[in-house]
């Protein structure tokens, strides 16, 4: 799924940056915020909703919460440590499960 690949590329750029250089206004911070927003947007798209069924309730709620802060409240209320952890650990851990779920869904549609 190309959209997941682009999200993963953004998260890789964040992971290659230094935590001390991760703050509002930096390219890595913007990449992390956009990755959260785009991943949540995929979840909201009807054609991908079933793919996101693999998320635990707390993962889904956390993704929604971070997306709301990044897109509506602005970065002033963003917890930089939480965003860093999400971009370098939590979201990269979710992507393989989402890819597998997408692959299984695609196979079901072919049958």
N, C-alpha and C. Protein backbone atom coordinates (compact mmCIF):
# COMPACT_ATOMS: atom_id res chain seq x y z
N UNK A 1 0.86 -1.17 0.00
CA UNK A 1 0.00 0.00 0.00
C UNK A 1 0.91 1.24 0.00
N UNK A 2 0.80 2.00 -1.04
CA UNK A 2 1.69 3.15 -1.25
C UNK A 2 1.55 4.20 -0.14
N UNK A 3 0.36 4.40 0.35
CA UNK A 3 0.16 5.40 1.40
C UNK A 3 0.92 5.02 2.67
N UNK A 4 0.92 3.75 3.03
CA UNK A 4 1.68 3.31 4.20
C UNK A 4 3.18 3.46 3.97
N UNK A 5 3.61 3.24 2.74
CA UNK A 5 5.03 3.40 2.41
C UNK A 5 5.46 4.85 2.60
N UNK A 6 4.65 5.79 2.17
CA UNK A 6 5.00 7.21 2.34
C UNK A 6 5.02 7.60 3.81
N UNK A 7 4.10 7.06 4.60
CA UNK A 7 4.09 7.32 6.03
C UNK A 7 5.36 6.74 6.65
N UNK A 8 5.69 5.53 6.26
CA UNK A 8 6.89 4.88 6.78
C UNK A 8 8.15 5.67 6.43
N UNK A 9 8.22 6.22 5.23
CA UNK A 9 9.37 7.03 4.83
C UNK A 9 9.50 8.27 5.71
N UNK A 10 8.37 8.89 6.04
CA UNK A 10 8.42 10.05 6.94
C UNK A 10 8.93 9.65 8.32
N UNK A 11 8.42 8.53 8.82
CA UNK A 11 8.85 8.07 10.13
C UNK A 11 10.32 7.69 10.14
N UNK A 12 10.81 7.15 9.04
CA UNK A 12 12.25 6.83 8.94
C UNK A 12 13.10 8.09 9.02
N UNK A 13 12.63 9.16 8.38
CA UNK A 13 13.38 10.43 8.45
C UNK A 13 13.42 10.94 9.89
N UNK A 14 12.32 10.79 10.60
CA UNK A 14 12.30 11.22 12.00
C UNK A 14 13.28 10.39 12.81
N UNK A 15 13.25 9.07 12.63
CA UNK A 15 14.12 8.18 13.40
C UNK A 15 15.60 8.46 13.15
N UNK A 16 15.93 8.98 11.98
CA UNK A 16 17.33 9.28 11.65
C UNK A 16 17.78 10.64 12.23
N UNK A 17 16.83 11.39 12.75
CA UNK A 17 17.17 12.68 13.34
C UNK A 17 17.53 12.49 14.81
N UNK A 18 18.05 13.52 15.40
CA UNK A 18 18.41 13.49 16.81
C UNK A 18 17.25 14.01 17.64
N UNK A 19 17.01 13.40 18.78
CA UNK A 19 15.92 13.83 19.65
C UNK A 19 16.09 15.29 20.08
N UNK A 20 17.32 15.71 20.31
CA UNK A 20 17.57 17.10 20.74
C UNK A 20 17.18 18.11 19.67
N UNK A 21 17.14 17.68 18.42
CA UNK A 21 16.78 18.56 17.31
C UNK A 21 15.31 18.41 16.89
N UNK A 22 14.53 17.73 17.70
CA UNK A 22 13.13 17.45 17.38
C UNK A 22 12.24 18.41 18.16
N UNK A 23 11.79 19.46 17.48
CA UNK A 23 10.90 20.43 18.11
C UNK A 23 10.13 21.15 17.00
N UNK A 24 9.09 21.84 17.39
CA UNK A 24 8.24 22.55 16.43
C UNK A 24 9.10 23.41 15.52
N UNK A 25 8.86 23.29 14.24
CA UNK A 25 9.57 24.09 13.25
C UNK A 25 10.67 23.32 12.52
N UNK A 26 11.00 22.12 13.02
CA UNK A 26 12.02 21.33 12.32
C UNK A 26 11.36 20.39 11.33
N UNK A 27 12.13 19.97 10.33
CA UNK A 27 11.60 19.07 9.31
C UNK A 27 11.16 17.75 9.93
N UNK A 28 11.90 17.23 10.89
CA UNK A 28 11.54 15.95 11.49
C UNK A 28 10.24 16.06 12.30
N UNK A 29 10.04 17.17 12.96
CA UNK A 29 8.82 17.39 13.73
C UNK A 29 7.62 17.46 12.79
N UNK A 30 7.79 18.19 11.70
CA UNK A 30 6.71 18.30 10.72
C UNK A 30 6.42 16.95 10.08
N UNK A 31 7.46 16.16 9.80
CA UNK A 31 7.28 14.83 9.21
C UNK A 31 6.51 13.92 10.16
N UNK A 32 6.84 13.99 11.45
CA UNK A 32 6.14 13.18 12.46
C UNK A 32 4.67 13.58 12.54
N UNK A 33 4.41 14.87 12.57
CA UNK A 33 3.03 15.36 12.64
C UNK A 33 2.24 14.93 11.41
N UNK A 34 2.83 15.07 10.25
CA UNK A 34 2.14 14.69 9.02
C UNK A 34 1.91 13.18 8.96
N UNK A 35 2.85 12.39 9.46
CA UNK A 35 2.66 10.94 9.48
C UNK A 35 1.44 10.58 10.33
N UNK A 36 1.30 11.21 11.47
CA UNK A 36 0.15 10.96 12.35
C UNK A 36 -1.14 11.35 11.63
N UNK A 37 -1.15 12.52 11.03
CA UNK A 37 -2.35 13.02 10.34
C UNK A 37 -2.73 12.11 9.17
N UNK A 38 -1.75 11.73 8.37
CA UNK A 38 -2.03 10.88 7.20
C UNK A 38 -2.48 9.47 7.60
N UNK A 39 -1.84 8.92 8.65
CA UNK A 39 -2.25 7.58 9.09
C UNK A 39 -3.68 7.61 9.59
N UNK A 40 -4.04 8.63 10.33
CA UNK A 40 -5.42 8.75 10.80
C UNK A 40 -6.38 8.96 9.63
N UNK A 41 -5.98 9.72 8.64
CA UNK A 41 -6.83 9.94 7.47
C UNK A 41 -7.11 8.63 6.74
N UNK A 42 -6.11 7.76 6.66
CA UNK A 42 -6.34 6.45 6.05
C UNK A 42 -7.38 5.67 6.84
N UNK A 43 -7.26 5.74 8.16
CA UNK A 43 -8.21 5.01 9.01
C UNK A 43 -9.63 5.49 8.78
N UNK A 44 -9.80 6.76 8.49
CA UNK A 44 -11.13 7.31 8.27
C UNK A 44 -11.69 7.00 6.88
N UNK A 45 -10.83 6.64 5.94
CA UNK A 45 -11.29 6.34 4.58
C UNK A 45 -12.02 5.00 4.57
N UNK A 46 -13.20 4.98 4.02
CA UNK A 46 -14.03 3.77 4.08
C UNK A 46 -13.34 2.55 3.46
N UNK A 47 -12.58 2.75 2.39
CA UNK A 47 -11.94 1.61 1.74
C UNK A 47 -10.80 1.00 2.55
N UNK A 48 -10.30 1.73 3.55
CA UNK A 48 -9.20 1.22 4.38
C UNK A 48 -9.64 0.91 5.81
N UNK A 49 -10.86 1.22 6.16
CA UNK A 49 -11.32 1.06 7.55
C UNK A 49 -11.10 -0.35 8.07
N UNK A 50 -11.38 -1.36 7.27
CA UNK A 50 -11.23 -2.74 7.72
C UNK A 50 -9.77 -3.09 8.01
N UNK A 51 -8.85 -2.45 7.34
CA UNK A 51 -7.42 -2.68 7.57
C UNK A 51 -7.05 -2.29 9.00
N UNK A 52 -7.68 -1.26 9.51
CA UNK A 52 -7.35 -0.73 10.83
C UNK A 52 -8.03 -1.50 11.97
N UNK A 53 -8.80 -2.53 11.63
CA UNK A 53 -9.42 -3.36 12.67
C UNK A 53 -8.38 -4.08 13.52
N UNK A 54 -7.14 -4.16 13.06
CA UNK A 54 -6.08 -4.83 13.83
C UNK A 54 -5.59 -3.97 14.99
N UNK A 55 -5.94 -2.70 15.02
CA UNK A 55 -5.50 -1.84 16.11
C UNK A 55 -6.29 -2.15 17.38
N UNK A 56 -5.57 -2.11 18.50
CA UNK A 56 -6.22 -2.23 19.80
C UNK A 56 -6.99 -0.93 20.06
N UNK A 57 -7.94 -0.97 20.95
CA UNK A 57 -8.76 0.21 21.25
C UNK A 57 -7.89 1.37 21.72
N UNK A 58 -6.89 1.10 22.57
CA UNK A 58 -6.04 2.19 23.07
C UNK A 58 -5.14 2.74 21.97
N UNK A 59 -4.74 1.91 21.02
CA UNK A 59 -3.93 2.39 19.89
C UNK A 59 -4.77 3.30 19.00
N UNK A 60 -5.98 2.90 18.74
CA UNK A 60 -6.88 3.69 17.91
C UNK A 60 -7.21 5.03 18.57
N UNK A 61 -7.47 4.98 19.86
CA UNK A 61 -7.79 6.20 20.60
C UNK A 61 -6.57 7.12 20.65
N UNK A 62 -5.39 6.57 20.86
CA UNK A 62 -4.16 7.37 20.90
C UNK A 62 -3.88 8.04 19.57
N UNK A 63 -4.10 7.30 18.47
CA UNK A 63 -3.89 7.87 17.14
C UNK A 63 -4.86 9.03 16.91
N UNK A 64 -6.10 8.85 17.29
CA UNK A 64 -7.09 9.93 17.13
C UNK A 64 -6.73 11.15 17.97
N UNK A 65 -6.31 10.90 19.18
CA UNK A 65 -5.95 12.01 20.08
C UNK A 65 -4.77 12.80 19.52
N UNK A 66 -3.73 12.10 19.09
CA UNK A 66 -2.56 12.79 18.54
C UNK A 66 -2.91 13.53 17.26
N UNK A 67 -3.73 12.94 16.43
CA UNK A 67 -4.14 13.60 15.18
C UNK A 67 -4.92 14.87 15.48
N UNK A 68 -5.80 14.81 16.47
CA UNK A 68 -6.58 15.99 16.82
C UNK A 68 -5.69 17.12 17.31
N UNK A 69 -4.70 16.80 18.11
CA UNK A 69 -3.78 17.83 18.59
C UNK A 69 -2.98 18.40 17.43
N UNK A 70 -2.44 17.52 16.59
CA UNK A 70 -1.59 17.98 15.48
C UNK A 70 -2.36 18.81 14.47
N UNK A 71 -3.61 18.45 14.22
CA UNK A 71 -4.33 19.15 13.15
C UNK A 71 -5.27 20.25 13.63
N UNK A 72 -5.75 20.18 14.83
CA UNK A 72 -6.73 21.17 15.29
C UNK A 72 -6.20 22.12 16.37
N UNK A 73 -5.58 21.58 17.36
CA UNK A 73 -5.13 22.39 18.49
C UNK A 73 -3.84 23.10 18.16
N UNK A 74 -3.07 22.54 17.29
CA UNK A 74 -1.77 23.11 16.98
C UNK A 74 -0.69 22.50 17.83
N UNK A 75 0.51 22.80 17.49
CA UNK A 75 1.64 22.16 18.13
C UNK A 75 1.88 22.66 19.55
N UNK A 76 1.28 23.77 19.95
CA UNK A 76 1.51 24.29 21.29
C UNK A 76 1.10 23.30 22.37
N UNK A 77 0.06 22.49 22.12
CA UNK A 77 -0.36 21.52 23.13
C UNK A 77 0.24 20.15 22.91
N UNK A 78 1.05 19.99 21.88
CA UNK A 78 1.66 18.70 21.60
C UNK A 78 2.75 18.42 22.62
N UNK A 79 2.74 17.23 23.16
CA UNK A 79 3.81 16.77 24.04
C UNK A 79 4.91 16.24 23.12
N UNK A 80 6.02 16.97 23.02
CA UNK A 80 7.09 16.61 22.10
C UNK A 80 7.65 15.22 22.38
N UNK A 81 7.75 14.84 23.64
CA UNK A 81 8.25 13.51 23.98
C UNK A 81 7.30 12.43 23.51
N UNK A 82 6.02 12.67 23.65
CA UNK A 82 5.02 11.71 23.20
C UNK A 82 5.04 11.59 21.68
N UNK A 83 5.13 12.70 20.98
CA UNK A 83 5.18 12.66 19.52
C UNK A 83 6.45 11.94 19.05
N UNK A 84 7.58 12.21 19.70
CA UNK A 84 8.83 11.52 19.35
C UNK A 84 8.68 10.01 19.55
N UNK A 85 8.12 9.61 20.68
CA UNK A 85 7.93 8.20 20.97
C UNK A 85 6.99 7.56 19.95
N UNK A 86 5.94 8.27 19.60
CA UNK A 86 4.99 7.74 18.62
C UNK A 86 5.67 7.57 17.26
N UNK A 87 6.44 8.56 16.85
CA UNK A 87 7.06 8.53 15.52
C UNK A 87 8.23 7.56 15.41
N UNK A 88 8.92 7.33 16.51
CA UNK A 88 10.12 6.48 16.44
C UNK A 88 9.89 5.07 16.98
N UNK A 89 8.79 4.86 17.70
CA UNK A 89 8.56 3.54 18.27
C UNK A 89 7.15 3.01 18.00
N UNK A 90 6.14 3.75 18.44
CA UNK A 90 4.77 3.23 18.39
C UNK A 90 4.23 3.04 16.96
N UNK A 91 4.31 4.08 16.16
CA UNK A 91 3.79 3.97 14.79
C UNK A 91 4.58 2.97 13.94
N UNK A 92 5.92 2.98 14.01
CA UNK A 92 6.65 1.95 13.26
C UNK A 92 6.28 0.52 13.67
N UNK A 93 5.87 0.33 14.92
CA UNK A 93 5.43 -1.00 15.36
C UNK A 93 4.06 -1.36 14.78
N UNK A 94 3.23 -0.36 14.51
CA UNK A 94 1.90 -0.60 13.95
C UNK A 94 1.94 -0.92 12.46
N UNK A 95 2.86 -0.31 11.75
CA UNK A 95 2.86 -0.42 10.28
C UNK A 95 2.92 -1.85 9.77
N UNK A 96 3.76 -2.74 10.30
CA UNK A 96 3.75 -4.12 9.79
C UNK A 96 2.40 -4.80 9.97
N UNK A 97 1.74 -4.55 11.09
CA UNK A 97 0.41 -5.13 11.30
C UNK A 97 -0.59 -4.59 10.30
N UNK A 98 -0.51 -3.29 10.02
CA UNK A 98 -1.42 -2.69 9.04
C UNK A 98 -1.15 -3.22 7.65
N UNK A 99 0.12 -3.38 7.31
CA UNK A 99 0.47 -3.95 5.99
C UNK A 99 -0.07 -5.37 5.85
N UNK A 100 0.10 -6.18 6.89
CA UNK A 100 -0.39 -7.56 6.86
C UNK A 100 -1.92 -7.58 6.74
N UNK A 101 -2.58 -6.72 7.48
CA UNK A 101 -4.02 -6.64 7.41
C UNK A 101 -4.48 -6.22 6.01
N UNK A 102 -3.77 -5.26 5.42
CA UNK A 102 -4.11 -4.82 4.05
C UNK A 102 -3.91 -5.96 3.06
N UNK A 103 -2.82 -6.70 3.22
CA UNK A 103 -2.55 -7.82 2.31
C UNK A 103 -3.63 -8.89 2.44
N UNK A 104 -4.04 -9.19 3.66
CA UNK A 104 -5.09 -10.19 3.86
C UNK A 104 -6.41 -9.71 3.28
N UNK A 105 -6.71 -8.45 3.43
CA UNK A 105 -7.95 -7.89 2.90
C UNK A 105 -7.94 -7.97 1.37
N UNK A 106 -6.80 -7.67 0.77
CA UNK A 106 -6.69 -7.72 -0.68
C UNK A 106 -6.91 -9.13 -1.19
N UNK A 107 -6.36 -10.13 -0.49
CA UNK A 107 -6.55 -11.52 -0.88
C UNK A 107 -8.02 -11.91 -0.77
N UNK A 108 -8.68 -11.48 0.30
CA UNK A 108 -10.12 -11.79 0.47
C UNK A 108 -10.93 -11.20 -0.67
N UNK A 109 -10.57 -10.01 -1.11
CA UNK A 109 -11.32 -9.37 -2.19
C UNK A 109 -11.12 -10.09 -3.52
N UNK A 110 -9.98 -10.75 -3.68
CA UNK A 110 -9.72 -11.50 -4.91
C UNK A 110 -10.46 -12.82 -4.97
N UNK A 111 -10.81 -13.35 -3.81
CA UNK A 111 -11.46 -14.67 -3.75
C UNK A 111 -12.89 -14.61 -4.19
